[in-house]
Amino acid sequence: MDCCHKTKERTPEEYKALIHRLNRVEGQIRGIRGMVEESAYCVDILNQVAAAQAALNAFSRELLSNHIRTCVAEDIRRGGGETIDELVQTVQRLMK
């Protein structure tokens, strides 16, 4: 069975930026959990959830931007079109 599992080589700068954003989201989620455990006021928790969602959206935007500049651009230069279809589907999922 021929299996194609795509991977992406990231520059050290790209890797560091993405990990930094994920660490921020992770910290926010831990904070939200702590708020629930401490019976914090609902609106305060919801405000933190909104902040975590915004941070995760920022991660997605950065990753998508890097993907377009590298993977998609390289595929187009090679004459491939599959990545464009994949990109359209990905953007549609992100916009739900």
C-alpha atoms as a PDB file:
ATOM      1  CA  MET A   1       0.000   0.000   0.000  1.00  0.00           C
ATOM      2  CA  ASP A   2       1.465   3.348  -1.062  1.00  0.00           C
ATOM      3  CA  CYS A   3       0.889   5.935   1.644  1.00  0.00           C
ATOM      4  CA  CYS A   4       1.673   9.606   1.302  1.00  0.00           C
ATOM      5  CA  HIS A   5       2.130  11.396   4.609  1.00  0.00           C
ATOM      6  CA  LYS A   6       3.045  15.011   3.995  1.00  0.00           C
ATOM      7  CA  THR A   7       5.486  16.809   6.251  1.00  0.00           C
ATOM      8  CA  LYS A   8       6.860  20.342   6.308  1.00  0.00           C
ATOM      9  CA  GLU A   9      10.384  21.497   7.057  1.00  0.00           C
ATOM     10  CA  ARG A  10      10.113  24.723   9.043  1.00  0.00           C
ATOM     11  CA  THR A  11      12.778  27.343   9.546  1.00  0.00           C
ATOM     12  CA  PRO A  12      13.935  27.789  13.130  1.00  0.00           C
ATOM     13  CA  GLU A  13      12.206  31.190  13.196  1.00  0.00           C
ATOM     14  CA  GLU A  14       8.895  29.770  11.937  1.00  0.00           C
ATOM     15  CA  TYR A  15       9.103  26.898  14.427  1.00  0.00           C
ATOM     16  CA  LYS A  16       9.856  29.244  17.324  1.00  0.00           C
ATOM     17  CA  ALA A  17       6.977  31.603  16.438  1.00  0.00           C
ATOM     18  CA  LEU A  18       4.457  28.770  16.140  1.00  0.00           C
ATOM     19  CA  ILE A  19       5.562  27.110  19.376  1.00  0.00           C
ATOM     20  CA  HIS A  20       5.416  30.479  21.157  1.00  0.00           C
ATOM     21  CA  ARG A  21       1.797  30.957  20.052  1.00  0.00           C
ATOM     22  CA  LEU A  22       0.868  27.409  21.069  1.00  0.00           C
ATOM     23  CA  ASN A  23       2.470  27.856  24.478  1.00  0.00           C
ATOM     24  CA  ARG A  24       0.397  30.992  24.957  1.00  0.00           C
ATOM     25  CA  VAL A  25      -2.811  29.146  24.055  1.00  0.00           C
ATOM     26  CA  GLU A  26      -1.866  26.270  26.332  1.00  0.00           C
ATOM     27  CA  GLY A  27      -1.308  28.660  29.228  1.00  0.00           C
ATOM     28  CA  GLN A  28      -4.643  30.328  28.599  1.00  0.00           C
ATOM     29  CA  ILE A  29      -6.441  26.974  28.581  1.00  0.00           C
ATOM     30  CA  ARG A  30      -4.780  26.000  31.866  1.00  0.00           C
ATOM     31  CA  GLY A  31      -5.891  29.361  33.258  1.00  0.00           C
ATOM     32  CA  ILE A  32      -9.464  28.718  32.172  1.00  0.00           C
ATOM     33  CA  ARG A  33      -9.403  25.322  33.826  1.00  0.00           C
ATOM     34  CA  GLY A  34      -8.147  26.923  37.023  1.00  0.00           C
ATOM     35  CA  MET A  35     -10.949  29.470  36.869  1.00  0.00           C
ATOM     36  CA  VAL A  36     -13.537  26.689  36.560  1.00  0.00           C
ATOM     37  CA  GLU A  37     -11.922  24.786  39.432  1.00  0.00           C
ATOM     38  CA  GLU A  38     -12.031  27.959  41.562  1.00  0.00           C
ATOM     39  CA  SER A  39     -15.690  28.635  40.660  1.00  0.00           C
ATOM     40  CA  ALA A  40     -14.913  31.916  38.906  1.00  0.00           C
ATOM     41  CA  TYR A  41     -17.743  34.049  37.586  1.00  0.00           C
ATOM     42  CA  CYS A  42     -19.093  32.805  34.233  1.00  0.00           C
ATOM     43  CA  VAL A  43     -18.488  36.059  32.361  1.00  0.00           C
ATOM     44  CA  ASP A  44     -14.879  36.153  33.538  1.00  0.00           C
ATOM     45  CA  ILE A  45     -14.363  32.606  32.231  1.00  0.00           C
ATOM     46  CA  LEU A  46     -16.053  33.451  28.936  1.00  0.00           C
ATOM     47  CA  ASN A  47     -13.770  36.465  28.516  1.00  0.00           C
ATOM     48  CA  GLN A  48     -10.764  34.188  28.935  1.00  0.00           C
ATOM     49  CA  VAL A  49     -12.243  31.676  26.476  1.00  0.00           C
ATOM     50  CA  ALA A  50     -12.602  34.488  23.921  1.00  0.00           C
ATOM     51  CA  ALA A  51      -8.951  35.447  24.476  1.00  0.00           C
ATOM     52  CA  ALA A  52      -7.852  31.819  24.004  1.00  0.00           C
ATOM     53  CA  GLN A  53      -9.901  31.548  20.814  1.00  0.00           C
ATOM     54  CA  ALA A  54      -8.320  34.742  19.496  1.00  0.00           C
ATOM     55  CA  ALA A  55      -4.851  33.372  20.271  1.00  0.00           C
ATOM     56  CA  LEU A  56      -5.654  30.089  18.498  1.00  0.00           C
ATOM     57  CA  ASN A  57      -7.020  32.031  15.520  1.00  0.00           C
ATOM     58  CA  ALA A  58      -3.768  34.020  15.393  1.00  0.00           C
ATOM     59  CA  PHE A  59      -1.853  30.715  15.349  1.00  0.00           C
ATOM     60  CA  SER A  60      -4.033  29.474  12.474  1.00  0.00           C
ATOM     61  CA  ARG A  61      -3.528  32.693  10.495  1.00  0.00           C
ATOM     62  CA  GLU A  62       0.242  32.513  10.903  1.00  0.00           C
ATOM     63  CA  LEU A  63       0.368  28.841   9.944  1.00  0.00           C
ATOM     64  CA  LEU A  64      -1.919  29.406   6.942  1.00  0.00           C
ATOM     65  CA  SER A  65       0.158  32.359   5.793  1.00  0.00           C
ATOM     66  CA  ASN A  66       3.355  30.304   6.004  1.00  0.00           C
ATOM     67  CA  HIS A  67       1.651  27.422   4.181  1.00  0.00           C
ATOM     68  CA  ILE A  68       0.576  29.667   1.298  1.00  0.00           C
ATOM     69  CA  ARG A  69       4.031  31.245   0.987  1.00  0.00           C
ATOM     70  CA  THR A  70       5.840  27.915   0.977  1.00  0.00           C
ATOM     71  CA  CYS A  71       3.884  24.739   0.237  1.00  0.00           C
ATOM     72  CA  VAL A  72       1.237  26.259  -2.029  1.00  0.00           C
ATOM     73  CA  ALA A  73       3.676  28.526  -3.889  1.00  0.00           C
ATOM     74  CA  GLU A  74       6.110  25.642  -4.447  1.00  0.00           C
ATOM     75  CA  ASP A  75       3.323  23.392  -5.750  1.00  0.00           C
ATOM     76  CA  ILE A  76       2.150  26.074  -8.189  1.00  0.00           C
ATOM     77  CA  ARG A  77       5.722  26.608  -9.449  1.00  0.00           C
ATOM     78  CA  ARG A  78       5.954  22.847 -10.091  1.00  0.00           C
ATOM     79  CA  GLY A  79       2.722  23.002 -12.086  1.00  0.00           C
ATOM     80  CA  GLY A  80       0.604  21.175  -9.538  1.00  0.00           C
ATOM     81  CA  GLY A  81      -2.890  22.213  -8.660  1.00  0.00           C
ATOM     82  CA  GLU A  82      -3.809  19.763  -5.925  1.00  0.00           C
ATOM     83  CA  THR A  83      -2.544  22.071  -3.208  1.00  0.00           C
ATOM     84  CA  ILE A  84      -4.885  24.840  -4.352  1.00  0.00           C
ATOM     85  CA  ASP A  85      -7.903  22.557  -3.943  1.00  0.00           C
ATOM     86  CA  GLU A  86      -6.599  21.515  -0.537  1.00  0.00           C
ATOM     87  CA  LEU A  87      -6.109  25.180   0.408  1.00  0.00           C
ATOM     88  CA  VAL A  88      -9.667  26.088  -0.594  1.00  0.00           C
ATOM     89  CA  GLN A  89     -11.051  23.245   1.534  1.00  0.00           C
ATOM     90  CA  THR A  90      -8.860  24.259   4.464  1.00  0.00           C
ATOM     91  CA  VAL A  91      -9.963  27.905   4.299  1.00  0.00           C
ATOM     92  CA  GLN A  92     -13.604  26.806   4.123  1.00  0.00           C
ATOM     93  CA  ARG A  93     -13.136  24.718   7.281  1.00  0.00           C
ATOM     94  CA  LEU A  94     -11.423  27.602   9.073  1.00  0.00           C
ATOM     95  CA  MET A  95     -14.273  29.966   8.207  1.00  0.00           C
ATOM     96  CA  LYS A  96     -17.006  27.827   9.759  1.00  0.00           C
END
